Amino acid sequence: MSIDRTDASTGSGPGVLRPAVADDAGRVSAIFAGYVLHSIATFVEAPPSDDVWRERIAASGRGLPFLVAEIDGEVEGFAYITRFRPHAAYRYTVEDSIYIAPEAAGRGLGSRLLAGLLDALRGTEVRQVVAVIAALAGSRHDTPSTVLHRRLGFVEVGRMPSVGYKNGQWADTVLMQADLRPDG
């Protein structure tokens, strides 16, 4: 899979969207740690180290984009693509992840990051992009992530009730999917 990551540096809105570099690992780690410790947005229960993030950023050079959004020189959000499942039959399907620093929420960074990922994937072998979004068990209210993905063309394709337990509460996962090649 080959992805031209330079296309993601454009777009409207505040700040700069660019490919992540090793020096971003500390800030990425700090943003993600907030979600790990204080939310159900990720089912990860122990924040990964800066070194783990450095490795993930390095792996993005092998065809899976990892973008950061900067405002005034500070990384305020990030998004990346991973393989959906390890089995060969899933080789044309990927999963997206997006995290925004709380102080930068509401500035359109999530939309810019997701659009940047999708743009980086167009023209590649990737056909399907899947989002696995946590929601409070039984809740029928859209999460900000659900709204974001729907706005950028994802459709809900399933819900797995009460599959996660974190911070003393059960969580569902909402599965959303975007077809990058709807005409074939």
C-alpha atoms as a PDB file:
ATOM      1  CA  MET A   1       0.000   0.000   0.000  1.00  0.00           C
ATOM      2  CA  SER A   2       1.457   3.329  -1.043  1.00  0.00           C
ATOM      3  CA  ILE A   3       0.124   6.592   0.355  1.00  0.00           C
ATOM      4  CA  ASP A   4       1.155  10.085  -0.688  1.00  0.00           C
ATOM      5  CA  ARG A   5       1.106  11.839   2.664  1.00  0.00           C
ATOM      6  CA  THR A   6       1.932  15.282   1.304  1.00  0.00           C
ATOM      7  CA  ASP A   7      -1.679  15.897   0.197  1.00  0.00           C
ATOM      8  CA  ALA A   8      -2.809  16.059   3.829  1.00  0.00           C
ATOM      9  CA  SER A   9      -0.982  19.333   4.547  1.00  0.00           C
ATOM     10  CA  THR A  10      -3.659  21.435   2.872  1.00  0.00           C
ATOM     11  CA  GLY A  11      -7.170  22.291   3.904  1.00  0.00           C
ATOM     12  CA  SER A  12      -9.150  25.026   5.557  1.00  0.00           C
ATOM     13  CA  GLY A  13      -9.321  25.860   9.219  1.00  0.00           C
ATOM     14  CA  PRO A  14      -6.881  26.860  11.923  1.00  0.00           C
ATOM     15  CA  GLY A  15      -3.348  25.607  12.156  1.00  0.00           C
ATOM     16  CA  VAL A  16      -1.402  23.125  10.101  1.00  0.00           C
ATOM     17  CA  LEU A  17      -2.115  19.511   9.219  1.00  0.00           C
ATOM     18  CA  ARG A  18       1.046  17.482   8.568  1.00  0.00           C
ATOM     19  CA  PRO A  19       2.532  13.983   8.798  1.00  0.00           C
ATOM     20  CA  ALA A  20       3.651  13.106  12.333  1.00  0.00           C
ATOM     21  CA  VAL A  21       7.374  12.938  13.125  1.00  0.00           C
ATOM     22  CA  ALA A  22       9.222  11.245  15.978  1.00  0.00           C
ATOM     23  CA  ASP A  23       9.437  14.521  17.935  1.00  0.00           C
ATOM     24  CA  ASP A  24       5.610  14.573  18.156  1.00  0.00           C
ATOM     25  CA  ALA A  25       5.521  11.388  20.253  1.00  0.00           C
ATOM     26  CA  GLY A  26       5.537  13.138  23.639  1.00  0.00           C
ATOM     27  CA  ARG A  27       2.590  15.398  22.856  1.00  0.00           C
ATOM     28  CA  VAL A  28       0.673  12.585  21.126  1.00  0.00           C
ATOM     29  CA  SER A  29       1.269  10.433  24.207  1.00  0.00           C
ATOM     30  CA  ALA A  30      -0.013  13.180  26.521  1.00  0.00           C
ATOM     31  CA  ILE A  31      -3.192  13.747  24.498  1.00  0.00           C
ATOM     32  CA  PHE A  32      -3.935  10.025  24.327  1.00  0.00           C
ATOM     33  CA  ALA A  33      -3.229   9.518  28.041  1.00  0.00           C
ATOM     34  CA  GLY A  34      -6.095  11.876  28.867  1.00  0.00           C
ATOM     35  CA  TYR A  35      -8.497   9.685  26.908  1.00  0.00           C
ATOM     36  CA  VAL A  36      -7.092   6.511  28.470  1.00  0.00           C
ATOM     37  CA  LEU A  37      -7.395   7.778  32.042  1.00  0.00           C
ATOM     38  CA  HIS A  38     -10.582   9.836  31.893  1.00  0.00           C
ATOM     39  CA  SER A  39     -12.902   8.434  29.218  1.00  0.00           C
ATOM     40  CA  ILE A  40     -14.229   5.377  27.465  1.00  0.00           C
ATOM     41  CA  ALA A  41     -13.233   6.724  24.028  1.00  0.00           C
ATOM     42  CA  THR A  42     -10.514   4.074  23.972  1.00  0.00           C
ATOM     43  CA  PHE A  43     -10.604   0.700  25.654  1.00  0.00           C
ATOM     44  CA  VAL A  44      -6.858   0.988  26.365  1.00  0.00           C
ATOM     45  CA  GLU A  45      -6.457   1.068  30.164  1.00  0.00           C
ATOM     46  CA  ALA A  46      -2.787   2.013  30.574  1.00  0.00           C
ATOM     47  CA  PRO A  47      -1.308   4.926  28.608  1.00  0.00           C
ATOM     48  CA  PRO A  48       1.354   3.798  26.122  1.00  0.00           C
ATOM     49  CA  SER A  49       4.797   5.348  26.546  1.00  0.00           C
ATOM     50  CA  ASP A  50       6.313   7.988  24.294  1.00  0.00           C
ATOM     51  CA  ASP A  51       8.499   5.212  22.824  1.00  0.00           C
ATOM     52  CA  VAL A  52       5.438   3.217  21.780  1.00  0.00           C
ATOM     53  CA  TRP A  53       4.072   6.286  20.001  1.00  0.00           C
ATOM     54  CA  ARG A  54       7.455   6.931  18.404  1.00  0.00           C
ATOM     55  CA  GLU A  55       7.330   3.386  16.979  1.00  0.00           C
ATOM     56  CA  ARG A  56       3.775   3.872  15.697  1.00  0.00           C
ATOM     57  CA  ILE A  57       4.770   7.114  14.015  1.00  0.00           C
ATOM     58  CA  ALA A  58       7.771   5.397  12.399  1.00  0.00           C
ATOM     59  CA  ALA A  59       5.499   2.595  11.151  1.00  0.00           C
ATOM     60  CA  SER A  60       3.353   5.178   9.358  1.00  0.00           C
ATOM     61  CA  GLY A  61       6.164   5.512   6.846  1.00  0.00           C
ATOM     62  CA  ARG A  62       5.247   2.015   5.668  1.00  0.00           C
ATOM     63  CA  GLY A  63       2.027   3.115   4.036  1.00  0.00           C
ATOM     64  CA  LEU A  64      -0.422   3.917   6.842  1.00  0.00           C
ATOM     65  CA  PRO A  65      -0.825   7.676   7.420  1.00  0.00           C
ATOM     66  CA  PHE A  66      -0.335   9.281  10.841  1.00  0.00           C
ATOM     67  CA  LEU A  67      -1.201  12.983  10.889  1.00  0.00           C
ATOM     68  CA  VAL A  68      -0.998  15.722  13.495  1.00  0.00           C
ATOM     69  CA  ALA A  69      -2.816  19.051  13.670  1.00  0.00           C
ATOM     70  CA  GLU A  70      -0.808  21.987  15.002  1.00  0.00           C
ATOM     71  CA  ILE A  71      -2.093  25.306  16.256  1.00  0.00           C
ATOM     72  CA  ASP A  72       0.514  27.972  16.938  1.00  0.00           C
ATOM     73  CA  GLY A  73       3.262  25.346  16.724  1.00  0.00           C
ATOM     74  CA  GLU A  74       1.674  23.002  19.296  1.00  0.00           C
ATOM     75  CA  VAL A  75       0.257  19.586  18.376  1.00  0.00           C
ATOM     76  CA  GLU A  76      -3.418  19.730  19.386  1.00  0.00           C
ATOM     77  CA  GLY A  77      -4.684  16.548  17.749  1.00  0.00           C
ATOM     78  CA  PHE A  78      -3.666  13.480  15.835  1.00  0.00           C
ATOM     79  CA  ALA A  79      -5.143  10.783  13.643  1.00  0.00           C
ATOM     80  CA  TYR A  80      -3.799   7.599  12.197  1.00  0.00           C
ATOM     81  CA  ILE A  81      -4.675   4.523  10.186  1.00  0.00           C
ATOM     82  CA  THR A  82      -4.024   0.929  11.201  1.00  0.00           C
ATOM     83  CA  ARG A  83      -4.802  -2.351   9.547  1.00  0.00           C
ATOM     84  CA  PHE A  84      -8.320  -3.425  10.485  1.00  0.00           C
ATOM     85  CA  ARG A  85      -7.468  -7.062  11.258  1.00  0.00           C
ATOM     86  CA  PRO A  86      -4.301  -9.125  10.745  1.00  0.00           C
ATOM     87  CA  HIS A  87      -5.803 -11.652   8.320  1.00  0.00           C
ATOM     88  CA  ALA A  88      -4.823 -11.351   4.629  1.00  0.00           C
ATOM     89  CA  ALA A  89      -8.429 -11.126   3.453  1.00  0.00           C
ATOM     90  CA  TYR A  90      -8.722  -7.753   5.252  1.00  0.00           C
ATOM     91  CA  ARG A  91      -5.755  -6.233   3.362  1.00  0.00           C
ATOM     92  CA  TYR A  92      -7.987  -3.647   1.645  1.00  0.00           C
ATOM     93  CA  THR A  93      -9.658  -2.506   4.879  1.00  0.00           C
ATOM     94  CA  VAL A  94      -8.209  -0.145   7.500  1.00  0.00           C
ATOM     95  CA  GLU A  95      -9.334   1.469  10.763  1.00  0.00           C
ATOM     96  CA  ASP A  96      -9.043   5.139  11.670  1.00  0.00           C
ATOM     97  CA  SER A  97      -8.382   6.696  15.091  1.00  0.00           C
ATOM     98  CA  ILE A  98      -8.664  10.401  15.945  1.00  0.00           C
ATOM     99  CA  TYR A  99      -7.878  12.223  19.201  1.00  0.00           C
ATOM    100  CA  ILE A 100      -8.088  15.957  19.928  1.00  0.00           C
ATOM    101  CA  ALA A 101      -6.650  17.743  22.967  1.00  0.00           C
ATOM    102  CA  PRO A 102      -9.583  18.887  25.149  1.00  0.00           C
ATOM    103  CA  GLU A 103      -8.526  22.526  24.938  1.00  0.00           C
ATOM    104  CA  ALA A 104      -8.664  22.354  21.117  1.00  0.00           C
ATOM    105  CA  ALA A 105     -12.104  20.717  20.823  1.00  0.00           C
ATOM    106  CA  GLY A 106     -14.647  22.501  18.648  1.00  0.00           C
ATOM    107  CA  ARG A 107     -12.109  24.042  16.277  1.00  0.00           C
ATOM    108  CA  GLY A 108     -12.699  21.653  13.383  1.00  0.00           C
ATOM    109  CA  LEU A 109      -9.486  19.700  13.889  1.00  0.00           C
ATOM    110  CA  GLY A 110     -11.267  16.333  13.920  1.00  0.00           C
ATOM    111  CA  SER A 111     -12.858  17.042  10.542  1.00  0.00           C
ATOM    112  CA  ARG A 112      -9.578  18.195   9.065  1.00  0.00           C
ATOM    113  CA  LEU A 113      -7.692  15.186  10.413  1.00  0.00           C
ATOM    114  CA  LEU A 114     -10.252  12.643   9.205  1.00  0.00           C
ATOM    115  CA  ALA A 115     -10.488  14.336   5.796  1.00  0.00           C
ATOM    116  CA  GLY A 116      -6.679  14.279   5.615  1.00  0.00           C
ATOM    117  CA  LEU A 117      -6.598  10.548   6.335  1.00  0.00           C
ATOM    118  CA  LEU A 118      -9.267   9.841   3.724  1.00  0.00           C
ATOM    119  CA  ASP A 119      -7.465  11.988   1.142  1.00  0.00           C
ATOM    120  CA  ALA A 120      -4.214  10.123   1.839  1.00  0.00           C
ATOM    121  CA  LEU A 121      -5.985   6.804   1.238  1.00  0.00           C
ATOM    122  CA  ARG A 122      -7.701   7.744  -2.036  1.00  0.00           C
ATOM    123  CA  GLY A 123      -5.959   6.262  -5.042  1.00  0.00           C
ATOM    124  CA  THR A 124      -4.417   3.457  -2.964  1.00  0.00           C
ATOM    125  CA  GLU A 125      -5.466  -0.177  -2.648  1.00  0.00           C
ATOM    126  CA  VAL A 126      -7.642   0.644   0.363  1.00  0.00           C
ATOM    127  CA  ARG A 127     -11.343   0.169  -0.300  1.00  0.00           C
ATOM    128  CA  GLN A 128     -12.941   0.369   3.148  1.00  0.00           C
ATOM    129  CA  VAL A 129     -12.270   2.508   6.218  1.00  0.00           C
ATOM    130  CA  VAL A 130     -13.800   1.341   9.487  1.00  0.00           C
ATOM    131  CA  ALA A 131     -14.321   3.370  12.667  1.00  0.00           C
ATOM    132  CA  VAL A 132     -14.892   1.553  15.965  1.00  0.00           C
ATOM    133  CA  ILE A 133     -16.447   4.153  18.261  1.00  0.00           C
ATOM    134  CA  ALA A 134     -17.145   3.717  21.979  1.00  0.00           C
ATOM    135  CA  ALA A 135     -20.490   4.846  23.392  1.00  0.00           C
ATOM    136  CA  LEU A 136     -22.112   4.431  26.782  1.00  0.00           C
ATOM    137  CA  ALA A 137     -23.942   1.122  26.902  1.00  0.00           C
ATOM    138  CA  GLY A 138     -27.495   1.439  25.686  1.00  0.00           C
ATOM    139  CA  SER A 139     -27.105   5.100  24.720  1.00  0.00           C
ATOM    140  CA  ARG A 140     -28.804   6.056  21.495  1.00  0.00           C
ATOM    141  CA  HIS A 141     -27.295   9.548  21.464  1.00  0.00           C
ATOM    142  CA  ASP A 142     -24.613  10.232  18.894  1.00  0.00           C
ATOM    143  CA  THR A 143     -21.129  10.826  20.230  1.00  0.00           C
ATOM    144  CA  PRO A 144     -19.035  13.645  18.710  1.00  0.00           C
ATOM    145  CA  SER A 145     -17.027  10.938  16.917  1.00  0.00           C
ATOM    146  CA  THR A 146     -20.174   9.422  15.414  1.00  0.00           C
ATOM    147  CA  VAL A 147     -21.296  12.848  14.187  1.00  0.00           C
ATOM    148  CA  LEU A 148     -17.834  13.548  12.735  1.00  0.00           C
ATOM    149  CA  HIS A 149     -17.669  10.264  10.859  1.00  0.00           C
ATOM    150  CA  ARG A 150     -21.219  10.588   9.505  1.00  0.00           C
ATOM    151  CA  ARG A 151     -20.450  14.116   8.296  1.00  0.00           C
ATOM    152  CA  LEU A 152     -17.521  12.743   6.290  1.00  0.00           C
ATOM    153  CA  GLY A 153     -19.498   9.973   4.617  1.00  0.00           C
ATOM    154  CA  PHE A 154     -19.336   7.068   7.057  1.00  0.00           C
ATOM    155  CA  VAL A 155     -22.472   5.033   7.689  1.00  0.00           C
ATOM    156  CA  GLU A 156     -23.315   3.039  10.788  1.00  0.00           C
ATOM    157  CA  VAL A 157     -23.071  -0.664   9.980  1.00  0.00           C
ATOM    158  CA  GLY A 158     -23.454  -2.178  13.421  1.00  0.00           C
ATOM    159  CA  ARG A 159     -23.420  -1.880  17.168  1.00  0.00           C
ATOM    160  CA  MET A 160     -21.930  -4.303  19.660  1.00  0.00           C
ATOM    161  CA  PRO A 161     -23.658  -3.792  23.011  1.00  0.00           C
ATOM    162  CA  SER A 162     -21.743  -3.840  26.302  1.00  0.00           C
ATOM    163  CA  VAL A 163     -18.522  -5.278  24.863  1.00  0.00           C
ATOM    164  CA  GLY A 164     -16.235  -3.102  26.989  1.00  0.00           C
ATOM    165  CA  TYR A 165     -16.071  -2.335  30.698  1.00  0.00           C
ATOM    166  CA  LYS A 166     -13.991   0.653  31.739  1.00  0.00           C
ATOM    167  CA  ASN A 167     -14.067   3.235  34.517  1.00  0.00           C
ATOM    168  CA  GLY A 168     -16.907   1.382  36.228  1.00  0.00           C
ATOM    169  CA  GLN A 169     -19.250   1.440  33.259  1.00  0.00           C
ATOM    170  CA  TRP A 170     -20.204  -0.745  30.321  1.00  0.00           C
ATOM    171  CA  ALA A 171     -19.567   0.549  26.834  1.00  0.00           C
ATOM    172  CA  ASP A 172     -20.919  -0.341  23.408  1.00  0.00           C
ATOM    173  CA  THR A 173     -18.979  -0.017  20.200  1.00  0.00           C
ATOM    174  CA  VAL A 174     -20.586   1.567  17.185  1.00  0.00           C
ATOM    175  CA  LEU A 175     -19.159   0.360  13.884  1.00  0.00           C
ATOM    176  CA  MET A 176     -19.084   2.855  11.034  1.00  0.00           C
ATOM    177  CA  GLN A 177     -17.685   2.377   7.567  1.00  0.00           C
ATOM    178  CA  ALA A 178     -16.736   4.475   4.541  1.00  0.00           C
ATOM    179  CA  ASP A 179     -16.443   2.938   1.089  1.00  0.00           C
ATOM    180  CA  LEU A 180     -13.646   4.683  -0.786  1.00  0.00           C
ATOM    181  CA  ARG A 181     -14.672   3.038  -4.058  1.00  0.00           C
ATOM    182  CA  PRO A 182     -18.473   3.029  -4.035  1.00  0.00           C
ATOM    183  CA  ASP A 183     -18.609   2.565  -7.844  1.00  0.00           C
ATOM    184  CA  GLY A 184     -16.471  -0.535  -7.961  1.00  0.00           C
END
